[in-house]
Amino acid sequence: MQTAVHQLWPPPGDMRKTEMNILFFHSYPRDPDEWKSAWTQRSHPDVCWPEKWLPADLGFDVRVLFVSYNIGQSRVADVVDDLFKALVIRYASVTT
């Protein structure tokens, strides 16, 4: 099972307290880095709008996370278990 959590905002290492977590989920059938291109503009492939615009537009501190997962031949219960471990266990101490 391959599940990954990518923190786009605040930048990794920035330990500011955030008021909200925003999650984007993306299943990757072929490439684990496919999530990067799924949230960009065709005319500006270097701009990932949830990272660049969303925090500024909301006007308060948010954490923007991307969760990429491959369901492939796995059971849904296995994917849910991986997502729980990747999100809840990893970020529980950060948000409290």
PDB file of N, CA and C in Angstrom:
ATOM      1  N   MET A   1       0.856  -1.182   0.000  1.00  0.00           N
ATOM      2  CA  MET A   1       0.000   0.000   0.000  1.00  0.00           C
ATOM      3  C   MET A   1       0.891   1.231   0.000  1.00  0.00           C
ATOM      4  N   GLN A   2       0.571   2.159  -0.829  1.00  0.00           N
ATOM      5  CA  GLN A   2       1.336   3.390  -0.874  1.00  0.00           C
ATOM      6  C   GLN A   2       0.405   4.562  -0.626  1.00  0.00           C
ATOM      7  N   THR A   3       0.509   5.134   0.558  1.00  0.00           N
ATOM      8  CA  THR A   3      -0.255   6.316   0.905  1.00  0.00           C
ATOM      9  C   THR A   3       0.739   7.367   1.345  1.00  0.00           C
ATOM     10  N   ALA A   4       0.581   8.568   0.844  1.00  0.00           N
ATOM     11  CA  ALA A   4       1.505   9.633   1.209  1.00  0.00           C
ATOM     12  C   ALA A   4       0.728  10.902   1.528  1.00  0.00           C
ATOM     13  N   VAL A   5       1.222  11.637   2.512  1.00  0.00           N
ATOM     14  CA  VAL A   5       0.650  12.929   2.870  1.00  0.00           C
ATOM     15  C   VAL A   5       1.689  13.988   2.543  1.00  0.00           C
ATOM     16  N   HIS A   6       1.263  14.978   1.775  1.00  0.00           N
ATOM     17  CA  HIS A   6       2.148  16.064   1.371  1.00  0.00           C
ATOM     18  C   HIS A   6       1.601  17.349   1.981  1.00  0.00           C
ATOM     19  N   GLN A   7       2.399  18.024   2.792  1.00  0.00           N
ATOM     20  CA  GLN A   7       1.961  19.299   3.372  1.00  0.00           C
ATOM     21  C   GLN A   7       2.468  20.425   2.487  1.00  0.00           C
ATOM     22  N   LEU A   8       1.528  21.183   1.925  1.00  0.00           N
ATOM     23  CA  LEU A   8       1.901  22.292   1.052  1.00  0.00           C
ATOM     24  C   LEU A   8       1.898  23.630   1.771  1.00  0.00           C
ATOM     25  N   TRP A   9       1.019  23.773   2.736  1.00  0.00           N
ATOM     26  CA  TRP A   9       0.964  25.033   3.474  1.00  0.00           C
ATOM     27  C   TRP A   9       0.558  24.765   4.904  1.00  0.00           C
ATOM     28  N   PRO A  10       1.167  25.380   5.887  1.00  0.00           N
ATOM     29  CA  PRO A  10       2.378  26.180   5.779  1.00  0.00           C
ATOM     30  C   PRO A  10       3.539  25.306   5.335  1.00  0.00           C
ATOM     31  N   PRO A  11       4.616  25.941   4.883  1.00  0.00           N
ATOM     32  CA  PRO A  11       5.755  25.158   4.412  1.00  0.00           C
ATOM     33  C   PRO A  11       6.218  24.181   5.496  1.00  0.00           C
ATOM     34  N   PRO A  12       6.649  22.996   5.101  1.00  0.00           N
ATOM     35  CA  PRO A  12       7.137  22.026   6.086  1.00  0.00           C
ATOM     36  C   PRO A  12       8.186  22.665   7.006  1.00  0.00           C
ATOM     37  N   GLY A  13       8.060  22.393   8.284  1.00  0.00           N
ATOM     38  CA  GLY A  13       8.964  22.979   9.270  1.00  0.00           C
ATOM     39  C   GLY A  13       8.389  24.208   9.945  1.00  0.00           C
ATOM     40  N   ASP A  14       7.416  24.851   9.317  1.00  0.00           N
ATOM     41  CA  ASP A  14       6.743  26.006   9.904  1.00  0.00           C
ATOM     42  C   ASP A  14       5.712  25.470  10.895  1.00  0.00           C
ATOM     43  N   MET A  15       5.905  25.736  12.161  1.00  0.00           N
ATOM     44  CA  MET A  15       5.073  25.135  13.205  1.00  0.00           C
ATOM     45  C   MET A  15       3.956  26.064  13.688  1.00  0.00           C
ATOM     46  N   ARG A  16       3.536  27.017  12.861  1.00  0.00           N
ATOM     47  CA  ARG A  16       2.449  27.908  13.276  1.00  0.00           C
ATOM     48  C   ARG A  16       1.185  27.120  13.588  1.00  0.00           C
ATOM     49  N   LYS A  17       0.416  27.633  14.505  1.00  0.00           N
ATOM     50  CA  LYS A  17      -0.858  27.005  14.855  1.00  0.00           C
ATOM     51  C   LYS A  17      -1.870  27.384  13.783  1.00  0.00           C
ATOM     52  N   THR A  18      -2.566  26.402  13.276  1.00  0.00           N
ATOM     53  CA  THR A  18      -3.544  26.646  12.224  1.00  0.00           C
ATOM     54  C   THR A  18      -4.948  26.456  12.777  1.00  0.00           C
ATOM     55  N   GLU A  19      -5.900  27.125  12.156  1.00  0.00           N
ATOM     56  CA  GLU A  19      -7.286  27.056  12.593  1.00  0.00           C
ATOM     57  C   GLU A  19      -8.081  25.960  11.890  1.00  0.00           C
ATOM     58  N   MET A  20      -7.554  25.483  10.764  1.00  0.00           N
ATOM     59  CA  MET A  20      -8.301  24.514   9.973  1.00  0.00           C
ATOM     60  C   MET A  20      -7.329  23.694   9.137  1.00  0.00           C
ATOM     61  N   ASN A  21      -7.655  22.422   8.953  1.00  0.00           N
ATOM     62  CA  ASN A  21      -6.940  21.560   8.018  1.00  0.00           C
ATOM     63  C   ASN A  21      -7.814  21.366   6.793  1.00  0.00           C
ATOM     64  N   ILE A  22      -7.226  21.545   5.628  1.00  0.00           N
ATOM     65  CA  ILE A  22      -7.940  21.307   4.375  1.00  0.00           C
ATOM     66  C   ILE A  22      -7.226  20.169   3.665  1.00  0.00           C
ATOM     67  N   LEU A  23      -7.983  19.135   3.333  1.00  0.00           N
ATOM     68  CA  LEU A  23      -7.408  17.943   2.716  1.00  0.00           C
ATOM     69  C   LEU A  23      -7.871  17.812   1.276  1.00  0.00           C
ATOM     70  N   PHE A  24      -6.939  17.502   0.413  1.00  0.00           N
ATOM     71  CA  PHE A  24      -7.232  17.167  -0.975  1.00  0.00           C
ATOM     72  C   PHE A  24      -6.815  15.714  -1.167  1.00  0.00           C
ATOM     73  N   PHE A  25      -7.712  14.894  -1.692  1.00  0.00           N
ATOM     74  CA  PHE A  25      -7.415  13.482  -1.920  1.00  0.00           C
ATOM     75  C   PHE A  25      -7.241  13.233  -3.407  1.00  0.00           C
ATOM     76  N   HIS A  26      -6.252  12.416  -3.716  1.00  0.00           N
ATOM     77  CA  HIS A  26      -6.013  12.087  -5.120  1.00  0.00           C
ATOM     78  C   HIS A  26      -5.519  10.653  -5.215  1.00  0.00           C
ATOM     79  N   SER A  27      -6.262   9.842  -5.917  1.00  0.00           N
ATOM     80  CA  SER A  27      -5.828   8.471  -6.185  1.00  0.00           C
ATOM     81  C   SER A  27      -4.932   8.510  -7.415  1.00  0.00           C
ATOM     82  N   TYR A  28      -3.841   7.812  -7.355  1.00  0.00           N
ATOM     83  CA  TYR A  28      -2.945   7.809  -8.505  1.00  0.00           C
ATOM     84  C   TYR A  28      -2.916   6.418  -9.128  1.00  0.00           C
ATOM     85  N   PRO A  29      -3.481   6.299 -10.301  1.00  0.00           N
ATOM     86  CA  PRO A  29      -3.483   5.000 -10.961  1.00  0.00           C
ATOM     87  C   PRO A  29      -2.133   4.647 -11.579  1.00  0.00           C
ATOM     88  N   ARG A  30      -1.316   5.638 -11.890  1.00  0.00           N
ATOM     89  CA  ARG A  30      -0.058   5.365 -12.584  1.00  0.00           C
ATOM     90  C   ARG A  30       1.159   5.913 -11.853  1.00  0.00           C
ATOM     91  N   ASP A  31       1.128   7.170 -11.482  1.00  0.00           N
ATOM     92  CA  ASP A  31       2.309   7.862 -10.985  1.00  0.00           C
ATOM     93  C   ASP A  31       2.042   8.464  -9.612  1.00  0.00           C
ATOM     94  N   PRO A  32       2.855   8.132  -8.582  1.00  0.00           N
ATOM     95  CA  PRO A  32       2.628   8.680  -7.244  1.00  0.00           C
ATOM     96  C   PRO A  32       2.732  10.202  -7.167  1.00  0.00           C
ATOM     97  N   ASP A  33       3.379  10.845  -8.132  1.00  0.00           N
ATOM     98  CA  ASP A  33       3.494  12.308  -8.133  1.00  0.00           C
ATOM     99  C   ASP A  33       2.430  12.980  -8.988  1.00  0.00           C
ATOM    100  N   GLU A  34       1.472  12.208  -9.457  1.00  0.00           N
ATOM    101  CA  GLU A  34       0.412  12.736 -10.319  1.00  0.00           C
ATOM    102  C   GLU A  34      -0.421  13.819  -9.638  1.00  0.00           C
ATOM    103  N   TRP A  35      -0.517  13.774  -8.308  1.00  0.00           N
ATOM    104  CA  TRP A  35      -1.303  14.758  -7.559  1.00  0.00           C
ATOM    105  C   TRP A  35      -0.825  16.177  -7.840  1.00  0.00           C
ATOM    106  N   LYS A  36       0.457  16.350  -8.118  1.00  0.00           N
ATOM    107  CA  LYS A  36       0.995  17.694  -8.348  1.00  0.00           C
ATOM    108  C   LYS A  36       0.347  18.353  -9.565  1.00  0.00           C
ATOM    109  N   SER A  37       0.191  17.597 -10.626  1.00  0.00           N
ATOM    110  CA  SER A  37      -0.374  18.181 -11.844  1.00  0.00           C
ATOM    111  C   SER A  37      -1.895  18.267 -11.804  1.00  0.00           C
ATOM    112  N   ALA A  38      -2.524  17.521 -10.920  1.00  0.00           N
ATOM    113  CA  ALA A  38      -3.986  17.531 -10.849  1.00  0.00           C
ATOM    114  C   ALA A  38      -4.535  18.853 -10.323  1.00  0.00           C
ATOM    115  N   TRP A  39      -3.724  19.631  -9.609  1.00  0.00           N
ATOM    116  CA  TRP A  39      -4.192  20.851  -8.964  1.00  0.00           C
ATOM    117  C   TRP A  39      -3.484  22.091  -9.489  1.00  0.00           C
ATOM    118  N   THR A  40      -3.032  22.043 -10.733  1.00  0.00           N
ATOM    119  CA  THR A  40      -2.366  23.193 -11.343  1.00  0.00           C
ATOM    120  C   THR A  40      -3.156  23.671 -12.555  1.00  0.00           C
ATOM    121  N   GLN A  41      -2.849  24.898 -12.963  1.00  0.00           N
ATOM    122  CA  GLN A  41      -3.465  25.434 -14.171  1.00  0.00           C
ATOM    123  C   GLN A  41      -2.677  24.948 -15.379  1.00  0.00           C
ATOM    124  N   ARG A  42      -3.368  24.658 -16.446  1.00  0.00           N
ATOM    125  CA  ARG A  42      -2.660  24.245 -17.663  1.00  0.00           C
ATOM    126  C   ARG A  42      -1.743  25.342 -18.163  1.00  0.00           C
ATOM    127  N   SER A  43      -2.201  26.586 -18.061  1.00  0.00           N
ATOM    128  CA  SER A  43      -1.390  27.698 -18.552  1.00  0.00           C
ATOM    129  C   SER A  43      -0.258  28.077 -17.597  1.00  0.00           C
ATOM    130  N   HIS A  44      -0.345  27.613 -16.345  1.00  0.00           N
ATOM    131  CA  HIS A  44       0.687  27.894 -15.341  1.00  0.00           C
ATOM    132  C   HIS A  44       0.963  26.610 -14.543  1.00  0.00           C
ATOM    133  N   PRO A  45       1.664  25.652 -15.144  1.00  0.00           N
ATOM    134  CA  PRO A  45       1.865  24.370 -14.465  1.00  0.00           C
ATOM    135  C   PRO A  45       2.711  24.462 -13.200  1.00  0.00           C
ATOM    136  N   ASP A  46       3.355  25.586 -12.977  1.00  0.00           N
ATOM    137  CA  ASP A  46       4.161  25.761 -11.769  1.00  0.00           C
ATOM    138  C   ASP A  46       3.341  26.312 -10.601  1.00  0.00           C
ATOM    139  N   VAL A  47       2.070  26.684 -10.853  1.00  0.00           N
ATOM    140  CA  VAL A  47       1.214  27.241  -9.804  1.00  0.00           C
ATOM    141  C   VAL A  47       0.214  26.186  -9.340  1.00  0.00           C
ATOM    142  N   CYS A  48       0.380  25.760  -8.121  1.00  0.00           N
ATOM    143  CA  CYS A  48      -0.567  24.829  -7.490  1.00  0.00           C
ATOM    144  C   CYS A  48      -1.522  25.694  -6.679  1.00  0.00           C
ATOM    145  N   TRP A  49      -2.748  25.871  -7.181  1.00  0.00           N
ATOM    146  CA  TRP A  49      -3.643  26.877  -6.586  1.00  0.00           C
ATOM    147  C   TRP A  49      -3.967  26.628  -5.115  1.00  0.00           C
ATOM    148  N   PRO A  50      -4.114  25.390  -4.620  1.00  0.00           N
ATOM    149  CA  PRO A  50      -4.379  25.241  -3.181  1.00  0.00           C
ATOM    150  C   PRO A  50      -3.223  25.729  -2.309  1.00  0.00           C
ATOM    151  N   GLU A  51      -2.029  25.693  -2.844  1.00  0.00           N
ATOM    152  CA  GLU A  51      -0.863  26.167  -2.089  1.00  0.00           C
ATOM    153  C   GLU A  51      -0.702  27.679  -2.195  1.00  0.00           C
ATOM    154  N   LYS A  52      -0.870  28.215  -3.378  1.00  0.00           N
ATOM    155  CA  LYS A  52      -0.591  29.633  -3.623  1.00  0.00           C
ATOM    156  C   LYS A  52      -1.749  30.554  -3.278  1.00  0.00           C
ATOM    157  N   TRP A  53      -2.972  30.147  -3.568  1.00  0.00           N
ATOM    158  CA  TRP A  53      -4.106  31.063  -3.439  1.00  0.00           C
ATOM    159  C   TRP A  53      -4.995  30.782  -2.235  1.00  0.00           C
ATOM    160  N   LEU A  54      -5.230  29.528  -1.933  1.00  0.00           N
ATOM    161  CA  LEU A  54      -6.200  29.186  -0.898  1.00  0.00           C
ATOM    162  C   LEU A  54      -5.878  29.805   0.466  1.00  0.00           C
ATOM    163  N   PRO A  55      -4.655  29.676   0.992  1.00  0.00           N
ATOM    164  CA  PRO A  55      -4.378  30.288   2.301  1.00  0.00           C
ATOM    165  C   PRO A  55      -4.580  31.809   2.298  1.00  0.00           C
ATOM    166  N   ALA A  56      -4.173  32.465   1.243  1.00  0.00           N
ATOM    167  CA  ALA A  56      -4.319  33.924   1.166  1.00  0.00           C
ATOM    168  C   ALA A  56      -5.791  34.325   1.023  1.00  0.00           C
ATOM    169  N   ASP A  57      -6.533  33.596   0.239  1.00  0.00           N
ATOM    170  CA  ASP A  57      -7.942  33.938   0.008  1.00  0.00           C
ATOM    171  C   ASP A  57      -8.811  33.739   1.246  1.00  0.00           C
ATOM    172  N   LEU A  58      -8.482  32.755   2.078  1.00  0.00           N
ATOM    173  CA  LEU A  58      -9.297  32.496   3.267  1.00  0.00           C
ATOM    174  C   LEU A  58      -9.079  33.537   4.361  1.00  0.00           C
ATOM    175  N   GLY A  59      -7.894  34.093   4.443  1.00  0.00           N
ATOM    176  CA  GLY A  59      -7.642  35.158   5.400  1.00  0.00           C
ATOM    177  C   GLY A  59      -7.344  34.699   6.820  1.00  0.00           C
ATOM    178  N   PHE A  60      -7.130  33.394   7.033  1.00  0.00           N
ATOM    179  CA  PHE A  60      -6.703  32.905   8.339  1.00  0.00           C
ATOM    180  C   PHE A  60      -5.779  31.714   8.116  1.00  0.00           C
ATOM    181  N   ASP A  61      -5.065  31.328   9.169  1.00  0.00           N
ATOM    182  CA  ASP A  61      -4.071  30.266   9.032  1.00  0.00           C
ATOM    183  C   ASP A  61      -4.726  28.907   8.840  1.00  0.00           C
ATOM    184  N   VAL A  62      -4.394  28.271   7.726  1.00  0.00           N
ATOM    185  CA  VAL A  62      -4.888  26.938   7.416  1.00  0.00           C
ATOM    186  C   VAL A  62      -3.698  26.037   7.113  1.00  0.00           C
ATOM    187  N   ARG A  63      -3.915  24.759   7.229  1.00  0.00           N
ATOM    188  CA  ARG A  63      -2.929  23.773   6.794  1.00  0.00           C
ATOM    189  C   ARG A  63      -3.531  23.104   5.564  1.00  0.00           C
ATOM    190  N   VAL A  64      -2.772  23.059   4.473  1.00  0.00           N
ATOM    191  CA  VAL A  64      -3.230  22.427   3.239  1.00  0.00           C
ATOM    192  C   VAL A  64      -2.431  21.141   3.048  1.00  0.00           C
ATOM    193  N   LEU A  65      -3.155  20.039   3.036  1.00  0.00           N
ATOM    194  CA  LEU A  65      -2.538  18.727   2.883  1.00  0.00           C
ATOM    195  C   LEU A  65      -3.080  18.035   1.642  1.00  0.00           C
ATOM    196  N   PHE A  66      -2.200  17.337   0.951  1.00  0.00           N
ATOM    197  CA  PHE A  66      -2.594  16.469  -0.148  1.00  0.00           C
ATOM    198  C   PHE A  66      -2.361  15.042   0.292  1.00  0.00           C
ATOM    199  N   VAL A  67      -3.345  14.206   0.079  1.00  0.00           N
ATOM    200  CA  VAL A  67      -3.234  12.790   0.398  1.00  0.00           C
ATOM    201  C   VAL A  67      -3.310  12.038  -0.920  1.00  0.00           C
ATOM    202  N   SER A  68      -2.231  11.358  -1.250  1.00  0.00           N
ATOM    203  CA  SER A  68      -2.246  10.542  -2.460  1.00  0.00           C
ATOM    204  C   SER A  68      -2.236   9.082  -2.046  1.00  0.00           C
ATOM    205  N   TYR A  69      -3.007   8.288  -2.742  1.00  0.00           N
ATOM    206  CA  TYR A  69      -3.131   6.879  -2.388  1.00  0.00           C
ATOM    207  C   TYR A  69      -3.361   6.070  -3.646  1.00  0.00           C
ATOM    208  N   ASN A  70      -3.025   4.804  -3.571  1.00  0.00           N
ATOM    209  CA  ASN A  70      -3.234   3.892  -4.686  1.00  0.00           C
ATOM    210  C   ASN A  70      -4.110   2.757  -4.193  1.00  0.00           C
ATOM    211  N   ILE A  71      -5.320   2.714  -4.682  1.00  0.00           N
ATOM    212  CA  ILE A  71      -6.214   1.655  -4.230  1.00  0.00           C
ATOM    213  C   ILE A  71      -5.932   0.360  -4.988  1.00  0.00           C
ATOM    214  N   GLY A  72      -5.530   0.436  -6.233  1.00  0.00           N
ATOM    215  CA  GLY A  72      -5.117  -0.727  -7.012  1.00  0.00           C
ATOM    216  C   GLY A  72      -5.866  -1.997  -6.676  1.00  0.00           C
ATOM    217  N   GLN A  73      -5.117  -3.012  -6.273  1.00  0.00           N
ATOM    218  CA  GLN A  73      -5.687  -4.308  -5.933  1.00  0.00           C
ATOM    219  C   GLN A  73      -6.009  -4.418  -4.441  1.00  0.00           C
ATOM    220  N   SER A  74      -5.815  -3.338  -3.692  1.00  0.00           N
ATOM    221  CA  SER A  74      -6.002  -3.374  -2.241  1.00  0.00           C
ATOM    222  C   SER A  74      -7.476  -3.349  -1.868  1.00  0.00           C
ATOM    223  N   ARG A  75      -7.727  -3.802  -0.652  1.00  0.00           N
ATOM    224  CA  ARG A  75      -9.070  -3.709  -0.112  1.00  0.00           C
ATOM    225  C   ARG A  75      -9.299  -2.284   0.378  1.00  0.00           C
ATOM    226  N   VAL A  76     -10.517  -1.813   0.300  1.00  0.00           N
ATOM    227  CA  VAL A  76     -10.847  -0.463   0.753  1.00  0.00           C
ATOM    228  C   VAL A  76     -10.486  -0.299   2.230  1.00  0.00           C
ATOM    229  N   ALA A  77     -10.713  -1.326   3.032  1.00  0.00           N
ATOM    230  CA  ALA A  77     -10.389  -1.251   4.464  1.00  0.00           C
ATOM    231  C   ALA A  77      -8.901  -1.001   4.681  1.00  0.00           C
ATOM    232  N   ASP A  78      -8.045  -1.575   3.835  1.00  0.00           N
ATOM    233  CA  ASP A  78      -6.602  -1.352   3.947  1.00  0.00           C
ATOM    234  C   ASP A  78      -6.244   0.094   3.611  1.00  0.00           C
ATOM    235  N   VAL A  79      -6.900   0.640   2.607  1.00  0.00           N
ATOM    236  CA  VAL A  79      -6.655   2.038   2.227  1.00  0.00           C
ATOM    237  C   VAL A  79      -7.085   2.963   3.360  1.00  0.00           C
ATOM    238  N   VAL A  80      -8.250   2.709   3.940  1.00  0.00           N
ATOM    239  CA  VAL A  80      -8.749   3.531   5.043  1.00  0.00           C
ATOM    240  C   VAL A  80      -7.796   3.444   6.228  1.00  0.00           C
ATOM    241  N   ASP A  81      -7.297   2.282   6.540  1.00  0.00           N
ATOM    242  CA  ASP A  81      -6.352   2.114   7.646  1.00  0.00           C
ATOM    243  C   ASP A  81      -5.073   2.904   7.377  1.00  0.00           C
ATOM    244  N   ASP A  82      -4.554   2.830   6.172  1.00  0.00           N
ATOM    245  CA  ASP A  82      -3.350   3.601   5.809  1.00  0.00           C
ATOM    246  C   ASP A  82      -3.604   5.101   5.917  1.00  0.00           C
ATOM    247  N   LEU A  83      -4.755   5.556   5.439  1.00  0.00           N
ATOM    248  CA  LEU A  83      -5.075   6.979   5.504  1.00  0.00           C
ATOM    249  C   LEU A  83      -5.192   7.440   6.957  1.00  0.00           C
ATOM    250  N   PHE A  84      -5.802   6.625   7.793  1.00  0.00           N
ATOM    251  CA  PHE A  84      -5.914   6.956   9.212  1.00  0.00           C
ATOM    252  C   PHE A  84      -4.529   7.119   9.825  1.00  0.00           C
ATOM    253  N   LYS A  85      -3.659   6.187   9.582  1.00  0.00           N
ATOM    254  CA  LYS A  85      -2.301   6.255  10.129  1.00  0.00           C
ATOM    255  C   LYS A  85      -1.549   7.465   9.588  1.00  0.00           C
ATOM    256  N   ALA A  86      -1.698   7.727   8.312  1.00  0.00           N
ATOM    257  CA  ALA A  86      -0.966   8.828   7.689  1.00  0.00           C
ATOM    258  C   ALA A  86      -1.462  10.185   8.160  1.00  0.00           C
ATOM    259  N   LEU A  87      -2.753  10.313   8.419  1.00  0.00           N
ATOM    260  CA  LEU A  87      -3.326  11.611   8.786  1.00  0.00           C
ATOM    261  C   LEU A  87      -3.475  11.802  10.286  1.00  0.00           C
ATOM    262  N   VAL A  88      -4.226  10.960  10.925  1.00  0.00           N
ATOM    263  CA  VAL A  88      -4.562  11.161  12.330  1.00  0.00           C
ATOM    264  C   VAL A  88      -3.341  11.020  13.223  1.00  0.00           C
ATOM    265  N   ILE A  89      -2.616   9.967  13.044  1.00  0.00           N
ATOM    266  CA  ILE A  89      -1.455   9.748  13.909  1.00  0.00           C
ATOM    267  C   ILE A  89      -0.377  10.790  13.648  1.00  0.00           C
ATOM    268  N   ARG A  90      -0.132  11.120  12.400  1.00  0.00           N
ATOM    269  CA  ARG A  90       0.933  12.074  12.066  1.00  0.00           C
ATOM    270  C   ARG A  90       0.605  13.488  12.507  1.00  0.00           C
ATOM    271  N   TYR A  91      -0.647  13.913  12.352  1.00  0.00           N
ATOM    272  CA  TYR A  91      -0.991  15.317  12.596  1.00  0.00           C
ATOM    273  C   TYR A  91      -1.711  15.559  13.908  1.00  0.00           C
ATOM    274  N   ALA A  92      -1.990  14.542  14.686  1.00  0.00           N
ATOM    275  CA  ALA A  92      -2.711  14.734  15.945  1.00  0.00           C
ATOM    276  C   ALA A  92      -1.949  15.630  16.895  1.00  0.00           C
ATOM    277  N   SER A  93      -0.661  15.450  17.017  1.00  0.00           N
ATOM    278  CA  SER A  93       0.124  16.270  17.949  1.00  0.00           C
ATOM    279  C   SER A  93       0.373  17.672  17.410  1.00  0.00           C
ATOM    280  N   VAL A  94       0.287  17.862  16.107  1.00  0.00           N
ATOM    281  CA  VAL A  94       0.533  19.176  15.497  1.00  0.00           C
ATOM    282  C   VAL A  94      -0.646  20.096  15.708  1.00  0.00           C
ATOM    283  N   THR A  95      -1.866  19.561  15.713  1.00  0.00           N
ATOM    284  CA  THR A  95      -3.057  20.416  15.748  1.00  0.00           C
ATOM    285  C   THR A  95      -3.616  20.618  17.137  1.00  0.00           C
ATOM    286  N   THR A  96      -3.057  19.984  18.153  1.00  0.00           N
ATOM    287  CA  THR A  96      -3.606  20.143  19.494  1.00  0.00           C
ATOM    288  C   THR A  96      -2.825  21.169  20.283  1.00  0.00           C
TER     289      THR A  96
END
